């Protein structure tokens, strides 16, 4: 059975990976990361550190566009009332994987 962790680069997803690794091991663990291409370099470093720590490579999914490119393509202005980035750049690629 695969155990998939949505590795966001934050503390909670790291601790989720840690709990899975400690309880079930890492043989069937997947570290799945939805890349929006604009994260801080520290986030990418932390994800890589997590991958090395558990000996599990990062499985990266991406639409290969930034949120700014998505806004232009969809004719939208960024706002907090419509989660287009979360939907198009994270949820959909994760679900498709």
N, C-alpha and C. Protein backbone atom coordinates (compact mmCIF):
# COMPACT_ATOMS: atom_id res chain seq x y z
N UNK A 1 0.83 -1.18 0.00
CA UNK A 1 0.00 0.00 0.00
C UNK A 1 0.88 1.24 0.00
N UNK A 2 0.62 2.15 -0.92
CA UNK A 2 1.35 3.41 -0.97
C UNK A 2 0.81 4.35 0.10
N UNK A 3 1.71 5.05 0.72
CA UNK A 3 1.34 6.07 1.71
C UNK A 3 1.81 7.40 1.17
N UNK A 4 0.87 8.21 0.73
CA UNK A 4 1.18 9.46 0.03
C UNK A 4 1.05 10.63 0.99
N UNK A 5 2.12 11.39 1.10
CA UNK A 5 2.13 12.60 1.91
C UNK A 5 2.16 13.79 0.97
N UNK A 6 1.19 14.70 1.11
CA UNK A 6 1.20 15.93 0.34
C UNK A 6 2.21 16.85 1.01
N UNK A 7 3.42 16.84 0.51
CA UNK A 7 4.52 17.59 1.11
C UNK A 7 4.46 19.03 0.63
N UNK A 8 3.91 19.90 1.47
CA UNK A 8 3.71 21.30 1.07
C UNK A 8 4.96 22.14 1.32
N UNK A 9 5.84 21.66 2.16
CA UNK A 9 7.01 22.45 2.54
C UNK A 9 6.83 23.08 3.91
N UNK A 10 5.71 22.82 4.54
CA UNK A 10 5.45 23.35 5.88
C UNK A 10 5.69 22.32 6.96
N UNK A 11 5.63 22.79 8.19
CA UNK A 11 5.90 21.93 9.34
C UNK A 11 4.89 20.78 9.45
N UNK A 12 3.62 21.06 9.23
CA UNK A 12 2.60 20.01 9.39
C UNK A 12 2.80 18.86 8.41
N UNK A 13 3.13 19.17 7.16
CA UNK A 13 3.34 18.08 6.20
C UNK A 13 4.62 17.31 6.52
N UNK A 14 5.63 18.01 7.05
CA UNK A 14 6.84 17.30 7.49
C UNK A 14 6.50 16.33 8.61
N UNK A 15 5.74 16.79 9.61
CA UNK A 15 5.41 15.91 10.73
C UNK A 15 4.50 14.78 10.28
N UNK A 16 3.67 14.99 9.29
CA UNK A 16 2.87 13.89 8.73
C UNK A 16 3.80 12.83 8.13
N UNK A 17 4.80 13.29 7.39
CA UNK A 17 5.78 12.35 6.82
C UNK A 17 6.53 11.61 7.92
N UNK A 18 6.90 12.33 8.96
CA UNK A 18 7.62 11.72 10.08
C UNK A 18 6.77 10.64 10.76
N UNK A 19 5.51 10.93 10.97
CA UNK A 19 4.62 9.95 11.61
C UNK A 19 4.46 8.70 10.73
N UNK A 20 4.29 8.91 9.44
CA UNK A 20 4.16 7.78 8.52
C UNK A 20 5.44 6.95 8.52
N UNK A 21 6.58 7.63 8.42
CA UNK A 21 7.87 6.92 8.40
C UNK A 21 8.08 6.11 9.68
N UNK A 22 7.76 6.68 10.81
CA UNK A 22 7.96 5.98 12.09
C UNK A 22 6.99 4.84 12.29
N UNK A 23 5.78 5.00 11.79
CA UNK A 23 4.77 3.96 12.01
C UNK A 23 4.83 2.84 10.97
N UNK A 24 5.07 3.21 9.70
CA UNK A 24 4.98 2.23 8.62
C UNK A 24 6.29 2.01 7.86
N UNK A 25 7.29 2.83 8.13
CA UNK A 25 8.52 2.75 7.34
C UNK A 25 8.38 3.60 6.09
N UNK A 26 9.43 3.58 5.28
CA UNK A 26 9.45 4.45 4.10
C UNK A 26 9.42 3.71 2.77
N UNK A 27 9.35 2.38 2.82
CA UNK A 27 9.40 1.62 1.57
C UNK A 27 8.30 2.00 0.59
N UNK A 28 7.11 2.26 1.08
CA UNK A 28 5.98 2.59 0.21
C UNK A 28 5.53 4.04 0.39
N UNK A 29 6.41 4.88 0.91
CA UNK A 29 6.04 6.28 1.16
C UNK A 29 6.33 7.12 -0.08
N UNK A 30 5.40 8.02 -0.40
CA UNK A 30 5.55 8.96 -1.52
C UNK A 30 5.46 10.36 -0.95
N UNK A 31 6.44 11.19 -1.26
CA UNK A 31 6.43 12.60 -0.88
C UNK A 31 5.99 13.38 -2.12
N UNK A 32 4.74 13.78 -2.16
CA UNK A 32 4.14 14.41 -3.33
C UNK A 32 4.09 15.92 -3.13
N UNK A 33 4.69 16.66 -4.06
CA UNK A 33 4.81 18.11 -3.93
C UNK A 33 4.23 18.80 -5.16
N UNK A 34 3.24 19.68 -4.95
CA UNK A 34 2.66 20.49 -6.03
C UNK A 34 3.42 21.80 -6.10
N UNK A 35 4.20 21.97 -7.15
CA UNK A 35 5.09 23.11 -7.31
C UNK A 35 4.42 24.23 -8.09
N UNK A 36 4.31 25.41 -7.47
CA UNK A 36 3.74 26.58 -8.13
C UNK A 36 4.81 27.44 -8.80
N UNK A 37 6.05 27.02 -8.68
CA UNK A 37 7.21 27.67 -9.30
C UNK A 37 7.61 29.00 -8.67
N UNK A 38 6.95 29.42 -7.61
CA UNK A 38 7.31 30.71 -7.01
C UNK A 38 7.59 30.61 -5.52
N UNK A 39 7.78 29.40 -5.02
CA UNK A 39 8.04 29.24 -3.59
C UNK A 39 9.40 29.80 -3.23
N UNK A 40 9.56 30.14 -1.97
CA UNK A 40 10.85 30.61 -1.48
C UNK A 40 11.86 29.47 -1.57
N UNK A 41 13.11 29.82 -1.80
CA UNK A 41 14.15 28.79 -1.93
C UNK A 41 14.27 27.96 -0.65
N UNK A 42 13.96 28.54 0.49
CA UNK A 42 14.01 27.78 1.75
C UNK A 42 13.01 26.63 1.75
N UNK A 43 11.85 26.82 1.12
CA UNK A 43 10.86 25.75 1.04
C UNK A 43 11.40 24.59 0.22
N UNK A 44 12.00 24.90 -0.94
CA UNK A 44 12.57 23.84 -1.77
C UNK A 44 13.70 23.13 -1.01
N UNK A 45 14.52 23.89 -0.29
CA UNK A 45 15.60 23.30 0.50
C UNK A 45 15.05 22.39 1.59
N UNK A 46 14.00 22.84 2.27
CA UNK A 46 13.40 22.04 3.34
C UNK A 46 12.80 20.76 2.79
N UNK A 47 12.13 20.85 1.65
CA UNK A 47 11.58 19.64 1.03
C UNK A 47 12.70 18.66 0.66
N UNK A 48 13.79 19.19 0.12
CA UNK A 48 14.91 18.31 -0.26
C UNK A 48 15.53 17.69 0.99
N UNK A 49 15.66 18.47 2.05
CA UNK A 49 16.19 17.95 3.31
C UNK A 49 15.30 16.82 3.83
N UNK A 50 13.97 17.01 3.72
CA UNK A 50 13.02 15.99 4.14
C UNK A 50 13.21 14.72 3.31
N UNK A 51 13.37 14.88 2.01
CA UNK A 51 13.57 13.73 1.12
C UNK A 51 14.84 12.96 1.50
N UNK A 52 15.90 13.68 1.76
CA UNK A 52 17.17 13.04 2.14
C UNK A 52 17.02 12.36 3.50
N UNK A 53 16.38 13.02 4.43
CA UNK A 53 16.20 12.46 5.78
C UNK A 53 15.52 11.09 5.74
N UNK A 54 14.50 10.96 4.88
CA UNK A 54 13.76 9.70 4.83
C UNK A 54 14.19 8.79 3.69
N UNK A 55 15.10 9.26 2.86
CA UNK A 55 15.55 8.43 1.74
C UNK A 55 14.46 8.20 0.71
N UNK A 56 13.57 9.17 0.58
CA UNK A 56 12.44 9.06 -0.35
C UNK A 56 12.51 10.26 -1.29
N UNK A 57 12.58 10.04 -2.59
CA UNK A 57 12.64 11.18 -3.52
C UNK A 57 11.31 11.93 -3.55
N UNK A 58 11.40 13.19 -3.89
CA UNK A 58 10.19 14.01 -4.04
C UNK A 58 9.55 13.68 -5.39
N UNK A 59 8.27 13.44 -5.36
CA UNK A 59 7.50 13.30 -6.59
C UNK A 59 6.85 14.66 -6.82
N UNK A 60 7.29 15.34 -7.86
CA UNK A 60 6.88 16.71 -8.12
C UNK A 60 5.82 16.74 -9.22
N UNK A 61 4.74 17.47 -8.97
CA UNK A 61 3.73 17.73 -10.00
C UNK A 61 3.64 19.24 -10.18
N UNK A 62 3.41 19.67 -11.42
CA UNK A 62 3.33 21.10 -11.69
C UNK A 62 2.64 21.33 -13.03
N UNK A 63 1.92 22.42 -13.11
CA UNK A 63 1.35 22.87 -14.38
C UNK A 63 2.39 23.64 -15.19
N UNK A 64 3.54 23.90 -14.57
CA UNK A 64 4.66 24.63 -15.20
C UNK A 64 4.28 26.06 -15.56
N UNK A 65 3.37 26.65 -14.78
CA UNK A 65 3.08 28.07 -14.89
C UNK A 65 3.03 28.65 -13.48
N UNK A 66 3.34 29.93 -13.37
CA UNK A 66 3.29 30.60 -12.08
C UNK A 66 1.86 31.10 -11.83
N UNK A 67 1.56 31.46 -10.60
CA UNK A 67 0.25 32.06 -10.35
C UNK A 67 0.01 33.30 -11.20
N UNK A 68 1.04 34.10 -11.42
CA UNK A 68 0.88 35.32 -12.22
C UNK A 68 0.52 34.98 -13.67
N UNK A 69 1.13 33.94 -14.21
CA UNK A 69 0.78 33.50 -15.56
C UNK A 69 -0.65 32.96 -15.59
N UNK A 70 -1.04 32.26 -14.55
CA UNK A 70 -2.40 31.73 -14.46
C UNK A 70 -3.42 32.87 -14.42
N UNK A 71 -3.15 33.90 -13.62
CA UNK A 71 -4.07 35.04 -13.55
C UNK A 71 -4.25 35.68 -14.93
N UNK A 72 -3.13 35.88 -15.63
CA UNK A 72 -3.21 36.48 -16.98
C UNK A 72 -4.00 35.59 -17.92
N UNK A 73 -3.71 34.29 -17.89
CA UNK A 73 -4.39 33.36 -18.78
C UNK A 73 -5.89 33.32 -18.53
N UNK A 74 -6.29 33.37 -17.26
CA UNK A 74 -7.71 33.28 -16.89
C UNK A 74 -8.40 34.64 -16.87
N UNK A 75 -7.63 35.73 -17.04
CA UNK A 75 -8.22 37.07 -17.02
C UNK A 75 -8.70 37.48 -15.64
N UNK A 76 -7.97 37.07 -14.62
CA UNK A 76 -8.37 37.35 -13.24
C UNK A 76 -7.36 38.26 -12.55
N UNK A 77 -7.84 38.93 -11.54
CA UNK A 77 -6.97 39.69 -10.64
C UNK A 77 -6.88 38.87 -9.36
N UNK A 78 -5.69 38.74 -8.83
CA UNK A 78 -5.49 37.95 -7.60
C UNK A 78 -6.34 38.52 -6.47
N UNK A 79 -7.01 37.62 -5.75
CA UNK A 79 -7.80 38.02 -4.59
C UNK A 79 -7.99 36.83 -3.68
N UNK A 80 -8.55 37.08 -2.50
CA UNK A 80 -8.72 35.99 -1.53
C UNK A 80 -10.13 35.38 -1.57
N UNK A 81 -10.94 35.74 -2.56
CA UNK A 81 -12.30 35.22 -2.64
C UNK A 81 -12.45 34.06 -3.62
N UNK A 82 -11.45 33.85 -4.44
CA UNK A 82 -11.52 32.80 -5.45
C UNK A 82 -10.18 32.07 -5.47
N UNK A 83 -10.13 30.86 -4.95
CA UNK A 83 -8.85 30.15 -4.78
C UNK A 83 -8.36 29.48 -6.06
N UNK A 84 -8.21 30.24 -7.13
CA UNK A 84 -7.83 29.64 -8.41
C UNK A 84 -6.44 29.00 -8.36
N UNK A 85 -5.50 29.59 -7.63
CA UNK A 85 -4.16 29.00 -7.55
C UNK A 85 -4.20 27.67 -6.81
N UNK A 86 -4.89 27.64 -5.69
CA UNK A 86 -5.00 26.39 -4.94
C UNK A 86 -5.66 25.31 -5.78
N UNK A 87 -6.67 25.71 -6.53
CA UNK A 87 -7.41 24.75 -7.34
C UNK A 87 -6.61 24.29 -8.55
N UNK A 88 -6.17 25.24 -9.37
CA UNK A 88 -5.52 24.91 -10.64
C UNK A 88 -4.07 24.48 -10.52
N UNK A 89 -3.35 25.04 -9.54
CA UNK A 89 -1.91 24.75 -9.45
C UNK A 89 -1.56 23.73 -8.38
N UNK A 90 -2.50 23.42 -7.51
CA UNK A 90 -2.20 22.43 -6.47
C UNK A 90 -3.19 21.27 -6.48
N UNK A 91 -4.47 21.56 -6.18
CA UNK A 91 -5.44 20.46 -6.04
C UNK A 91 -5.58 19.61 -7.30
N UNK A 92 -5.76 20.24 -8.44
CA UNK A 92 -5.96 19.47 -9.67
C UNK A 92 -4.73 18.63 -10.04
N UNK A 93 -3.51 19.19 -10.03
CA UNK A 93 -2.35 18.33 -10.33
C UNK A 93 -2.17 17.19 -9.32
N UNK A 94 -2.45 17.46 -8.04
CA UNK A 94 -2.35 16.40 -7.03
C UNK A 94 -3.38 15.31 -7.30
N UNK A 95 -4.61 15.71 -7.58
CA UNK A 95 -5.67 14.74 -7.85
C UNK A 95 -5.36 13.92 -9.11
N UNK A 96 -4.83 14.58 -10.14
CA UNK A 96 -4.51 13.88 -11.38
C UNK A 96 -3.38 12.87 -11.18
N UNK A 97 -2.46 13.18 -10.30
CA UNK A 97 -1.37 12.25 -10.03
C UNK A 97 -1.92 10.95 -9.49
